């Protein structure tokens, strides 16, 4: 089992989750709010990997998001630029809350024995050659079906991004991925770009 999470910056806002098996069949898709609900699902399904759409580390040399600093980017963020992938810096307004929540949730999940990776569904969709949610949810859903995902169902954009996160988690387990950035600082796991697949 793989657990994909499209994490919100606050427990008041919806977080999408997707449970995917290794045959690319969706077992469950739902919207949750609290960290405890996410941890509960993880304990119940015991996934091999948890793929979270949220920054899960700080840039090297940066101790916190609260103290002012001129260090804003991790190596993995800079490498996204090389692919022409747009993203929000982790030190920007609402991204700070998401980063803080992501780091805390990763610690809690690793604390109970799970392997956690950072993913970025929007960037993954770019590399897979499928439309992002901004182009329309049906178009994104249709792109995910073309990848071979079975039993696709969703209620909102958060669930579609969670499905993408789970798919990237599956690619990670298969060894069919690229890791951007530096292991010590924190990596983003991405699909191999579709235009470079042989």
N, C-alpha and C. Protein backbone atom coordinates (compact mmCIF):
# COMPACT_ATOMS: atom_id res chain seq x y z
N UNK A 1 0.83 -1.20 0.00
CA UNK A 1 0.00 0.00 0.00
C UNK A 1 0.87 1.25 0.00
N UNK A 2 0.36 2.26 -0.68
CA UNK A 2 1.02 3.57 -0.70
C UNK A 2 -0.01 4.59 -0.22
N UNK A 3 0.43 5.53 0.63
CA UNK A 3 -0.46 6.58 1.10
C UNK A 3 0.03 7.91 0.52
N UNK A 4 -0.83 8.55 -0.28
CA UNK A 4 -0.53 9.86 -0.85
C UNK A 4 -1.31 10.92 -0.09
N UNK A 5 -0.64 12.01 0.26
CA UNK A 5 -1.28 13.07 1.05
C UNK A 5 -1.06 14.43 0.40
N UNK A 6 -2.16 15.12 0.10
CA UNK A 6 -2.07 16.52 -0.35
C UNK A 6 -2.38 17.37 0.87
N UNK A 7 -1.32 17.75 1.59
CA UNK A 7 -1.47 18.37 2.90
C UNK A 7 -1.86 19.84 2.80
N UNK A 8 -2.80 20.25 3.66
CA UNK A 8 -3.17 21.67 3.76
C UNK A 8 -2.27 22.33 4.82
N UNK A 9 -2.16 23.64 4.76
CA UNK A 9 -1.31 24.37 5.71
C UNK A 9 -1.90 24.43 7.10
N UNK A 10 -3.20 24.11 7.23
CA UNK A 10 -3.87 24.20 8.53
C UNK A 10 -4.85 23.04 8.67
N UNK A 11 -5.10 22.64 9.91
CA UNK A 11 -6.05 21.55 10.17
C UNK A 11 -7.50 22.01 9.92
N UNK A 12 -7.68 23.30 9.68
CA UNK A 12 -9.04 23.81 9.39
C UNK A 12 -9.36 23.65 7.90
N UNK A 13 -8.31 23.43 7.09
CA UNK A 13 -8.52 23.32 5.64
C UNK A 13 -8.41 21.87 5.19
N UNK A 14 -9.07 21.52 4.07
CA UNK A 14 -9.10 20.11 3.64
C UNK A 14 -7.76 19.57 3.14
N UNK A 15 -7.44 18.36 3.61
CA UNK A 15 -6.28 17.60 3.16
C UNK A 15 -6.80 16.39 2.40
N UNK A 16 -6.31 16.18 1.19
CA UNK A 16 -6.72 14.99 0.42
C UNK A 16 -5.81 13.84 0.72
N UNK A 17 -6.39 12.63 0.81
CA UNK A 17 -5.53 11.44 0.97
C UNK A 17 -5.98 10.36 -0.03
N UNK A 18 -5.01 9.56 -0.45
CA UNK A 18 -5.30 8.45 -1.38
C UNK A 18 -4.51 7.22 -0.94
N UNK A 19 -5.21 6.10 -0.87
CA UNK A 19 -4.55 4.81 -0.62
C UNK A 19 -4.55 4.06 -1.94
N UNK A 20 -3.34 3.74 -2.41
CA UNK A 20 -3.16 3.09 -3.71
C UNK A 20 -2.41 1.79 -3.48
N UNK A 21 -2.79 0.72 -4.22
CA UNK A 21 -1.99 -0.51 -4.08
C UNK A 21 -0.99 -0.62 -5.23
N UNK A 22 -0.16 -1.66 -5.19
CA UNK A 22 0.92 -1.77 -6.18
C UNK A 22 0.42 -2.15 -7.57
N UNK A 23 -0.89 -2.51 -7.67
CA UNK A 23 -1.46 -2.79 -8.99
C UNK A 23 -2.09 -1.52 -9.58
N UNK A 24 -1.83 -0.38 -8.92
CA UNK A 24 -2.37 0.93 -9.34
C UNK A 24 -3.88 1.01 -9.18
N UNK A 25 -4.40 0.25 -8.20
CA UNK A 25 -5.84 0.33 -7.91
C UNK A 25 -6.04 1.23 -6.70
N UNK A 26 -6.99 2.16 -6.84
CA UNK A 26 -7.30 3.05 -5.71
C UNK A 26 -8.15 2.29 -4.71
N UNK A 27 -7.69 2.22 -3.48
CA UNK A 27 -8.42 1.54 -2.41
C UNK A 27 -9.33 2.52 -1.69
N UNK A 28 -8.82 3.74 -1.51
CA UNK A 28 -9.60 4.74 -0.79
C UNK A 28 -9.12 6.14 -1.16
N UNK A 29 -10.08 7.06 -1.30
CA UNK A 29 -9.76 8.47 -1.50
C UNK A 29 -10.69 9.24 -0.59
N UNK A 30 -10.15 10.14 0.21
CA UNK A 30 -11.04 10.94 1.06
C UNK A 30 -10.38 12.25 1.47
N UNK A 31 -11.19 13.11 2.08
CA UNK A 31 -10.70 14.39 2.58
C UNK A 31 -10.71 14.35 4.10
N UNK A 32 -9.57 14.70 4.69
CA UNK A 32 -9.44 14.74 6.15
C UNK A 32 -9.00 16.14 6.56
N UNK A 33 -8.92 16.37 7.86
CA UNK A 33 -8.50 17.68 8.35
C UNK A 33 -7.35 17.61 9.36
N UNK A 34 -7.42 16.68 10.29
CA UNK A 34 -6.47 16.68 11.42
C UNK A 34 -5.31 15.70 11.22
N UNK A 35 -4.16 16.07 11.77
CA UNK A 35 -2.98 15.18 11.73
C UNK A 35 -3.32 13.81 12.31
N UNK A 36 -4.07 13.82 13.40
CA UNK A 36 -4.41 12.55 14.06
C UNK A 36 -5.17 11.61 13.14
N UNK A 37 -6.06 12.18 12.29
CA UNK A 37 -6.83 11.34 11.34
C UNK A 37 -5.87 10.71 10.32
N UNK A 38 -4.88 11.49 9.90
CA UNK A 38 -3.90 10.99 8.91
C UNK A 38 -3.07 9.86 9.53
N UNK A 39 -2.61 10.06 10.76
CA UNK A 39 -1.80 9.06 11.46
C UNK A 39 -2.61 7.78 11.69
N UNK A 40 -3.88 7.96 12.01
CA UNK A 40 -4.78 6.82 12.25
C UNK A 40 -4.90 5.95 10.99
N UNK A 41 -5.10 6.60 9.84
CA UNK A 41 -5.21 5.86 8.56
C UNK A 41 -3.91 5.13 8.28
N UNK A 42 -2.78 5.81 8.49
CA UNK A 42 -1.46 5.19 8.25
C UNK A 42 -1.31 3.94 9.12
N UNK A 43 -1.68 4.06 10.40
CA UNK A 43 -1.55 2.90 11.30
C UNK A 43 -2.46 1.76 10.85
N UNK A 44 -3.62 2.11 10.29
CA UNK A 44 -4.58 1.08 9.88
C UNK A 44 -4.11 0.35 8.63
N UNK A 45 -3.59 1.09 7.63
CA UNK A 45 -3.24 0.43 6.36
C UNK A 45 -1.77 0.01 6.27
N UNK A 46 -0.93 0.54 7.18
CA UNK A 46 0.51 0.22 7.20
C UNK A 46 1.16 0.32 5.82
N UNK A 47 1.19 1.53 5.24
CA UNK A 47 1.76 1.68 3.89
C UNK A 47 3.27 1.46 3.87
N UNK A 48 3.76 0.99 2.71
CA UNK A 48 5.22 0.84 2.53
C UNK A 48 5.88 2.20 2.45
N UNK A 49 5.13 3.17 1.92
CA UNK A 49 5.67 4.53 1.75
C UNK A 49 4.54 5.54 1.93
N UNK A 50 4.87 6.70 2.49
CA UNK A 50 3.91 7.80 2.59
C UNK A 50 4.50 8.97 1.81
N UNK A 51 3.76 9.42 0.78
CA UNK A 51 4.22 10.51 -0.09
C UNK A 51 3.42 11.77 0.24
N UNK A 52 4.10 12.79 0.75
CA UNK A 52 3.41 14.00 1.20
C UNK A 52 3.71 15.18 0.29
N UNK A 53 2.65 15.84 -0.16
CA UNK A 53 2.78 17.07 -0.93
C UNK A 53 2.88 18.24 0.05
N UNK A 54 4.09 18.52 0.48
CA UNK A 54 4.39 19.66 1.38
C UNK A 54 5.90 19.66 1.56
N UNK A 55 6.50 20.85 1.75
CA UNK A 55 7.94 20.86 2.05
C UNK A 55 8.17 20.19 3.40
N UNK A 56 9.15 19.28 3.45
CA UNK A 56 9.39 18.50 4.68
C UNK A 56 10.74 18.80 5.32
N UNK A 57 11.39 19.87 4.84
CA UNK A 57 12.69 20.25 5.43
C UNK A 57 12.94 21.73 5.18
N UNK A 58 13.90 22.28 5.93
CA UNK A 58 14.30 23.68 5.77
C UNK A 58 15.59 23.74 4.95
N UNK A 59 15.83 24.88 4.29
CA UNK A 59 17.11 25.01 3.57
C UNK A 59 18.29 24.94 4.55
N UNK A 60 19.41 24.40 4.08
CA UNK A 60 20.63 24.33 4.90
C UNK A 60 20.98 25.73 5.38
N UNK A 61 21.34 25.83 6.65
CA UNK A 61 21.73 27.13 7.18
C UNK A 61 20.56 27.93 7.74
N UNK A 62 19.36 27.39 7.59
CA UNK A 62 18.18 28.08 8.12
C UNK A 62 17.66 27.30 9.32
N UNK A 63 17.62 27.94 10.48
CA UNK A 63 17.24 27.23 11.71
C UNK A 63 15.72 27.18 11.90
N UNK A 64 15.03 28.24 11.44
CA UNK A 64 13.57 28.26 11.59
C UNK A 64 12.96 29.17 10.54
N UNK A 65 11.63 29.10 10.42
CA UNK A 65 10.94 29.97 9.47
C UNK A 65 10.57 31.30 10.13
N UNK A 66 10.67 31.33 11.45
CA UNK A 66 10.26 32.54 12.17
C UNK A 66 11.35 33.62 12.15
N UNK A 67 12.61 33.18 12.27
CA UNK A 67 13.73 34.15 12.27
C UNK A 67 13.99 34.61 10.83
N UNK A 68 14.15 35.93 10.66
CA UNK A 68 14.44 36.46 9.32
C UNK A 68 15.79 35.93 8.83
N UNK A 69 15.83 35.65 7.54
CA UNK A 69 17.06 35.09 6.96
C UNK A 69 17.02 35.36 5.46
N UNK A 70 18.18 35.38 4.83
CA UNK A 70 18.17 35.54 3.37
C UNK A 70 18.29 34.19 2.66
N UNK A 71 18.14 33.09 3.44
CA UNK A 71 18.17 31.73 2.85
C UNK A 71 16.72 31.29 2.62
N UNK A 72 16.33 31.18 1.35
CA UNK A 72 14.93 30.87 1.04
C UNK A 72 14.74 29.55 0.28
N UNK A 73 15.80 29.04 -0.35
CA UNK A 73 15.62 27.89 -1.23
C UNK A 73 16.52 26.72 -0.84
N UNK A 74 15.97 25.53 -0.97
CA UNK A 74 16.77 24.31 -0.81
C UNK A 74 17.32 23.95 -2.20
N UNK A 75 18.28 23.05 -2.22
CA UNK A 75 18.85 22.62 -3.50
C UNK A 75 17.75 22.00 -4.39
N UNK A 76 16.85 21.22 -3.76
CA UNK A 76 15.78 20.58 -4.55
C UNK A 76 14.85 21.62 -5.18
N UNK A 77 14.63 22.75 -4.48
CA UNK A 77 13.78 23.81 -5.04
C UNK A 77 14.45 24.41 -6.28
N UNK A 78 15.76 24.65 -6.16
CA UNK A 78 16.50 25.24 -7.29
C UNK A 78 16.50 24.28 -8.49
N UNK A 79 16.54 22.97 -8.20
CA UNK A 79 16.55 22.00 -9.29
C UNK A 79 15.19 21.94 -10.01
N UNK A 80 14.11 22.26 -9.29
CA UNK A 80 12.79 22.33 -9.95
C UNK A 80 12.82 23.37 -11.07
N UNK A 81 13.50 24.50 -10.79
CA UNK A 81 13.60 25.57 -11.79
C UNK A 81 14.21 25.06 -13.09
N UNK A 82 15.21 24.18 -12.96
CA UNK A 82 15.91 23.68 -14.15
C UNK A 82 14.95 22.94 -15.08
N UNK A 83 13.90 22.37 -14.49
CA UNK A 83 12.88 21.68 -15.30
C UNK A 83 11.78 22.65 -15.75
N UNK A 84 11.92 23.92 -15.36
CA UNK A 84 10.89 24.91 -15.71
C UNK A 84 9.61 24.74 -14.91
N UNK A 85 9.72 24.13 -13.72
CA UNK A 85 8.54 23.87 -12.89
C UNK A 85 8.33 25.03 -11.91
N UNK A 86 7.13 25.58 -11.93
CA UNK A 86 6.81 26.70 -11.04
C UNK A 86 6.41 26.18 -9.65
N UNK A 87 6.84 26.91 -8.63
CA UNK A 87 6.48 26.54 -7.25
C UNK A 87 6.57 27.78 -6.37
N UNK A 88 5.99 27.69 -5.18
CA UNK A 88 6.08 28.79 -4.21
C UNK A 88 7.24 28.51 -3.25
N UNK A 89 8.10 29.50 -3.00
CA UNK A 89 9.18 29.30 -2.02
C UNK A 89 8.61 28.97 -0.64
N UNK A 90 9.31 28.11 0.10
CA UNK A 90 8.78 27.65 1.39
C UNK A 90 8.72 28.76 2.44
N UNK A 91 9.41 29.88 2.17
CA UNK A 91 9.41 30.97 3.16
C UNK A 91 8.32 32.01 2.85
N UNK A 92 7.55 31.78 1.80
CA UNK A 92 6.51 32.73 1.39
C UNK A 92 5.24 32.52 2.21
N UNK A 93 4.72 33.60 2.81
CA UNK A 93 3.45 33.62 3.54
C UNK A 93 2.84 32.28 3.92
N UNK A 94 1.77 31.84 3.17
CA UNK A 94 1.05 30.62 3.53
C UNK A 94 1.91 29.35 3.48
N UNK A 95 3.00 29.38 2.68
CA UNK A 95 3.87 28.21 2.58
C UNK A 95 4.60 27.94 3.89
N UNK A 96 4.78 28.97 4.71
CA UNK A 96 5.46 28.78 6.00
C UNK A 96 4.66 27.82 6.87
N UNK A 97 3.33 28.05 6.94
CA UNK A 97 2.47 27.19 7.77
C UNK A 97 2.49 25.76 7.25
N UNK A 98 2.44 25.63 5.92
CA UNK A 98 2.45 24.29 5.31
C UNK A 98 3.77 23.58 5.62
N UNK A 99 4.88 24.31 5.51
CA UNK A 99 6.19 23.72 5.77
C UNK A 99 6.29 23.28 7.23
N UNK A 100 5.85 24.15 8.14
CA UNK A 100 5.89 23.80 9.58
C UNK A 100 5.05 22.56 9.85
N UNK A 101 3.84 22.51 9.26
CA UNK A 101 2.97 21.35 9.47
C UNK A 101 3.59 20.10 8.85
N UNK A 102 4.14 20.24 7.64
CA UNK A 102 4.75 19.10 6.95
C UNK A 102 5.90 18.49 7.74
N UNK A 103 6.77 19.36 8.28
CA UNK A 103 7.93 18.88 9.05
C UNK A 103 7.46 18.14 10.31
N UNK A 104 6.46 18.72 11.00
CA UNK A 104 5.93 18.09 12.23
C UNK A 104 5.28 16.74 11.93
N UNK A 105 4.47 16.70 10.85
CA UNK A 105 3.77 15.46 10.50
C UNK A 105 4.77 14.37 10.10
N UNK A 106 5.79 14.74 9.34
CA UNK A 106 6.83 13.77 8.95
C UNK A 106 7.46 13.17 10.21
N UNK A 107 7.80 14.02 11.19
CA UNK A 107 8.41 13.54 12.45
C UNK A 107 7.49 12.56 13.15
N UNK A 108 6.19 12.90 13.22
CA UNK A 108 5.22 12.02 13.90
C UNK A 108 5.12 10.68 13.18
N UNK A 109 5.04 10.71 11.85
CA UNK A 109 4.89 9.47 11.08
C UNK A 109 6.16 8.62 11.15
N UNK A 110 7.32 9.26 11.05
CA UNK A 110 8.58 8.50 11.15
C UNK A 110 8.74 7.95 12.57
N UNK A 111 8.21 8.71 13.54
CA UNK A 111 8.28 8.29 14.95
C UNK A 111 7.52 6.99 15.21
N UNK A 112 6.50 6.70 14.37
CA UNK A 112 5.78 5.42 14.54
C UNK A 112 6.19 4.41 13.47
N UNK A 113 7.35 4.68 12.82
CA UNK A 113 7.96 3.66 11.97
C UNK A 113 7.70 3.73 10.48
N UNK A 114 7.10 4.82 9.98
CA UNK A 114 6.81 4.89 8.54
C UNK A 114 7.91 5.61 7.77
N UNK A 115 8.08 5.20 6.49
CA UNK A 115 9.02 5.91 5.60
C UNK A 115 8.22 6.99 4.88
N UNK A 116 8.74 8.22 4.93
CA UNK A 116 8.03 9.37 4.37
C UNK A 116 8.90 10.05 3.32
N UNK A 117 8.29 10.38 2.17
CA UNK A 117 9.01 11.14 1.14
C UNK A 117 8.23 12.40 0.80
N UNK A 118 8.96 13.41 0.33
CA UNK A 118 8.33 14.66 -0.13
C UNK A 118 8.09 14.55 -1.63
N UNK A 119 6.89 14.91 -2.05
CA UNK A 119 6.54 14.92 -3.47
C UNK A 119 5.89 16.26 -3.81
N UNK A 120 5.77 16.53 -5.10
CA UNK A 120 5.14 17.77 -5.55
C UNK A 120 4.24 17.44 -6.74
N UNK A 121 2.94 17.16 -6.48
CA UNK A 121 2.03 16.72 -7.54
C UNK A 121 1.97 17.63 -8.76
N UNK A 122 1.93 18.96 -8.56
CA UNK A 122 1.87 19.87 -9.72
C UNK A 122 3.07 19.67 -10.63
N UNK A 123 4.26 19.61 -10.03
CA UNK A 123 5.48 19.39 -10.80
C UNK A 123 5.51 18.00 -11.42
N UNK A 124 5.01 17.00 -10.67
CA UNK A 124 4.95 15.62 -11.18
C UNK A 124 4.05 15.57 -12.41
N UNK A 125 2.90 16.27 -12.34
CA UNK A 125 1.97 16.29 -13.49
C UNK A 125 2.65 16.90 -14.71
N UNK A 126 3.45 17.96 -14.50
CA UNK A 126 4.21 18.56 -15.61
C UNK A 126 5.14 17.53 -16.23
N UNK A 127 5.91 16.83 -15.38
CA UNK A 127 6.90 15.87 -15.90
C UNK A 127 6.24 14.65 -16.54
N UNK A 128 5.03 14.31 -16.09
CA UNK A 128 4.30 13.16 -16.67
C UNK A 128 3.54 13.55 -17.94
N UNK A 129 3.51 14.86 -18.22
CA UNK A 129 2.82 15.32 -19.43
C UNK A 129 1.31 15.29 -19.30
N UNK A 130 0.80 15.46 -18.07
CA UNK A 130 -0.66 15.52 -17.88
C UNK A 130 -1.04 16.90 -17.32
N UNK A 131 -2.28 17.36 -17.57
CA UNK A 131 -2.64 18.72 -17.13
C UNK A 131 -2.72 18.85 -15.61
N UNK A 132 -2.34 20.02 -15.11
CA UNK A 132 -2.53 20.34 -13.69
C UNK A 132 -4.01 20.67 -13.45
N UNK A 133 -4.40 20.73 -12.16
CA UNK A 133 -5.80 20.98 -11.81
C UNK A 133 -6.32 22.32 -12.34
N UNK A 134 -5.41 23.28 -12.51
CA UNK A 134 -5.82 24.60 -12.99
C UNK A 134 -6.42 24.53 -14.40
N UNK A 135 -6.09 23.45 -15.14
CA UNK A 135 -6.63 23.29 -16.50
C UNK A 135 -8.00 22.62 -16.48
N UNK A 136 -8.45 22.21 -15.28
CA UNK A 136 -9.75 21.53 -15.16
C UNK A 136 -9.57 20.17 -14.51
N UNK A 137 -10.44 19.88 -13.53
CA UNK A 137 -10.30 18.62 -12.77
C UNK A 137 -10.53 17.40 -13.65
N UNK A 138 -11.47 17.52 -14.62
CA UNK A 138 -11.73 16.36 -15.50
C UNK A 138 -10.50 16.03 -16.34
N UNK A 139 -9.82 17.09 -16.80
CA UNK A 139 -8.62 16.86 -17.63
C UNK A 139 -7.52 16.18 -16.81
N UNK A 140 -7.36 16.62 -15.57
CA UNK A 140 -6.35 15.99 -14.70
C UNK A 140 -6.74 14.53 -14.42
N UNK A 141 -8.03 14.30 -14.11
CA UNK A 141 -8.50 12.93 -13.84
C UNK A 141 -8.27 12.04 -15.05
N UNK A 142 -8.54 12.57 -16.24
CA UNK A 142 -8.36 11.79 -17.47
C UNK A 142 -6.88 11.47 -17.67
N UNK A 143 -5.99 12.43 -17.36
CA UNK A 143 -4.54 12.19 -17.45
C UNK A 143 -4.10 11.11 -16.50
N UNK A 144 -4.65 11.09 -15.28
CA UNK A 144 -4.29 10.06 -14.29
C UNK A 144 -4.76 8.68 -14.75
N UNK A 145 -5.95 8.63 -15.37
CA UNK A 145 -6.46 7.34 -15.90
C UNK A 145 -5.52 6.82 -16.98
N UNK A 146 -5.03 7.73 -17.83
CA UNK A 146 -4.13 7.32 -18.92
C UNK A 146 -2.83 6.73 -18.37
N UNK A 147 -2.44 7.13 -17.17
CA UNK A 147 -1.24 6.56 -16.55
C UNK A 147 -1.47 5.12 -16.10
N UNK A 148 -2.76 4.71 -16.07
CA UNK A 148 -3.09 3.34 -15.68
C UNK A 148 -3.70 3.22 -14.29
N UNK A 149 -4.07 4.36 -13.69
CA UNK A 149 -4.68 4.31 -12.35
C UNK A 149 -6.12 3.81 -12.47
N UNK A 150 -6.43 2.80 -11.68
CA UNK A 150 -7.76 2.16 -11.78
C UNK A 150 -8.65 2.57 -10.61
N UNK A 151 -9.97 2.62 -10.88
CA UNK A 151 -10.95 2.93 -9.83
C UNK A 151 -10.88 4.38 -9.41
N UNK A 152 -10.60 5.27 -10.38
CA UNK A 152 -10.41 6.67 -10.06
C UNK A 152 -11.73 7.34 -9.66
N UNK A 153 -11.74 7.89 -8.46
CA UNK A 153 -12.89 8.66 -7.99
C UNK A 153 -12.36 9.80 -7.13
N UNK A 154 -13.07 10.92 -7.14
CA UNK A 154 -12.60 12.07 -6.37
C UNK A 154 -13.75 13.05 -6.15
N UNK A 155 -13.62 13.84 -5.08
CA UNK A 155 -14.63 14.86 -4.80
C UNK A 155 -14.08 16.27 -4.99
N UNK A 156 -12.77 16.41 -4.98
CA UNK A 156 -12.19 17.75 -5.08
C UNK A 156 -10.74 17.67 -5.58
N UNK A 157 -10.15 18.84 -5.80
CA UNK A 157 -8.79 18.93 -6.33
C UNK A 157 -7.75 18.34 -5.38
N UNK A 158 -8.03 18.42 -4.06
CA UNK A 158 -7.07 17.90 -3.06
C UNK A 158 -6.94 16.39 -3.20
N UNK A 159 -8.06 15.74 -3.49
CA UNK A 159 -8.03 14.28 -3.65
C UNK A 159 -7.27 13.89 -4.92
N UNK A 160 -7.43 14.69 -6.00
CA UNK A 160 -6.69 14.39 -7.24
C UNK A 160 -5.18 14.56 -7.03
N UNK A 161 -4.80 15.58 -6.29
CA UNK A 161 -3.36 15.76 -6.01
C UNK A 161 -2.84 14.66 -5.09
N UNK A 162 -3.70 14.16 -4.18
CA UNK A 162 -3.31 13.04 -3.31
C UNK A 162 -3.11 11.77 -4.14
N UNK A 163 -3.96 11.58 -5.17
CA UNK A 163 -3.82 10.42 -6.07
C UNK A 163 -2.47 10.52 -6.80
N UNK A 164 -2.15 11.74 -7.27
CA UNK A 164 -0.86 11.96 -7.95
C UNK A 164 0.29 11.67 -6.99
N UNK A 165 0.17 12.14 -5.74
CA UNK A 165 1.21 11.91 -4.73
C UNK A 165 1.42 10.41 -4.52
N UNK A 166 0.31 9.66 -4.42
CA UNK A 166 0.40 8.20 -4.23
C UNK A 166 1.07 7.54 -5.43
N UNK A 167 0.73 8.02 -6.64
CA UNK A 167 1.33 7.46 -7.86
C UNK A 167 2.86 7.66 -7.84
N UNK A 168 3.30 8.86 -7.43
CA UNK A 168 4.74 9.12 -7.34
C UNK A 168 5.37 8.21 -6.27
N UNK A 169 4.63 7.97 -5.18
CA UNK A 169 5.09 7.02 -4.16
C UNK A 169 5.31 5.63 -4.74
N UNK A 170 4.40 5.22 -5.62
CA UNK A 170 4.51 3.91 -6.28
C UNK A 170 5.75 3.88 -7.19
N UNK A 171 5.97 4.96 -7.95
CA UNK A 171 7.16 5.04 -8.81
C UNK A 171 8.43 4.94 -7.96
N UNK A 172 8.40 5.55 -6.78
CA UNK A 172 9.54 5.50 -5.86
C UNK A 172 9.82 4.05 -5.46
N UNK A 173 8.77 3.32 -5.11
CA UNK A 173 8.94 1.91 -4.70
C UNK A 173 9.49 1.07 -5.85
N UNK A 174 9.11 1.43 -7.08
CA UNK A 174 9.57 0.67 -8.26
C UNK A 174 10.97 1.09 -8.70
N UNK A 175 11.49 2.16 -8.10
CA UNK A 175 12.80 2.67 -8.51
C UNK A 175 12.74 3.50 -9.79
N UNK A 176 11.54 3.89 -10.20
CA UNK A 176 11.34 4.62 -11.45
C UNK A 176 11.12 6.11 -11.15
N UNK A 177 12.14 6.77 -10.63
CA UNK A 177 11.98 8.16 -10.18
C UNK A 177 13.30 8.90 -10.27
N UNK A 178 13.22 10.22 -10.09
CA UNK A 178 14.43 11.02 -9.91
C UNK A 178 14.30 11.71 -8.54
N UNK A 179 15.42 11.87 -7.87
CA UNK A 179 15.42 12.54 -6.56
C UNK A 179 16.13 13.88 -6.73
N UNK A 180 15.39 14.96 -6.57
CA UNK A 180 15.99 16.29 -6.69
C UNK A 180 16.54 16.71 -5.34
N UNK A 181 17.69 17.38 -5.37
CA UNK A 181 18.23 17.91 -4.13
C UNK A 181 19.24 17.01 -3.47
N UNK A 182 19.38 17.26 -2.18
CA UNK A 182 20.48 16.73 -1.40
C UNK A 182 19.91 15.93 -0.24
N UNK A 183 20.37 14.70 -0.07
CA UNK A 183 19.82 13.83 0.99
C UNK A 183 19.86 14.46 2.38
N UNK A 184 20.95 15.13 2.69
CA UNK A 184 21.10 15.73 4.03
C UNK A 184 20.13 16.88 4.25
N UNK A 185 19.84 17.61 3.18
CA UNK A 185 18.98 18.79 3.31
C UNK A 185 17.51 18.44 3.12
N UNK A 186 17.24 17.45 2.27
CA UNK A 186 15.86 17.08 1.96
C UNK A 186 15.67 17.02 0.46
N UNK A 187 15.06 15.93 0.00
CA UNK A 187 14.87 15.73 -1.44
C UNK A 187 13.39 15.77 -1.81
N UNK A 188 13.13 16.11 -3.08
CA UNK A 188 11.78 15.97 -3.63
C UNK A 188 11.86 14.81 -4.62
N UNK A 189 10.96 13.85 -4.45
CA UNK A 189 10.91 12.69 -5.35
C UNK A 189 9.96 13.03 -6.51
N UNK A 190 10.45 12.85 -7.73
CA UNK A 190 9.67 13.18 -8.92
C UNK A 190 9.69 12.02 -9.91
N UNK A 191 8.67 11.99 -10.78
CA UNK A 191 8.70 10.97 -11.85
C UNK A 191 9.82 11.31 -12.82
N UNK A 192 10.32 10.28 -13.53
CA UNK A 192 11.25 10.59 -14.61
C UNK A 192 10.44 11.34 -15.67
N UNK A 193 11.01 12.39 -16.27
CA UNK A 193 10.23 13.15 -17.26
C UNK A 193 9.77 12.25 -18.41
N UNK A 194 8.50 12.38 -18.79
CA UNK A 194 7.93 11.50 -19.83
C UNK A 194 8.69 11.66 -21.14
N UNK A 195 9.25 12.88 -21.41
CA UNK A 195 9.93 13.09 -22.68
C UNK A 195 11.29 12.43 -22.71
N UNK A 196 11.78 11.92 -21.52
CA UNK A 196 13.10 11.26 -21.53
C UNK A 196 12.95 9.75 -21.36
N UNK A 197 11.69 9.28 -21.30
CA UNK A 197 11.51 7.81 -21.10
C UNK A 197 11.79 7.09 -22.42
N UNK A 198 12.51 5.96 -22.32
CA UNK A 198 12.78 5.23 -23.57
C UNK A 198 11.69 4.20 -23.80
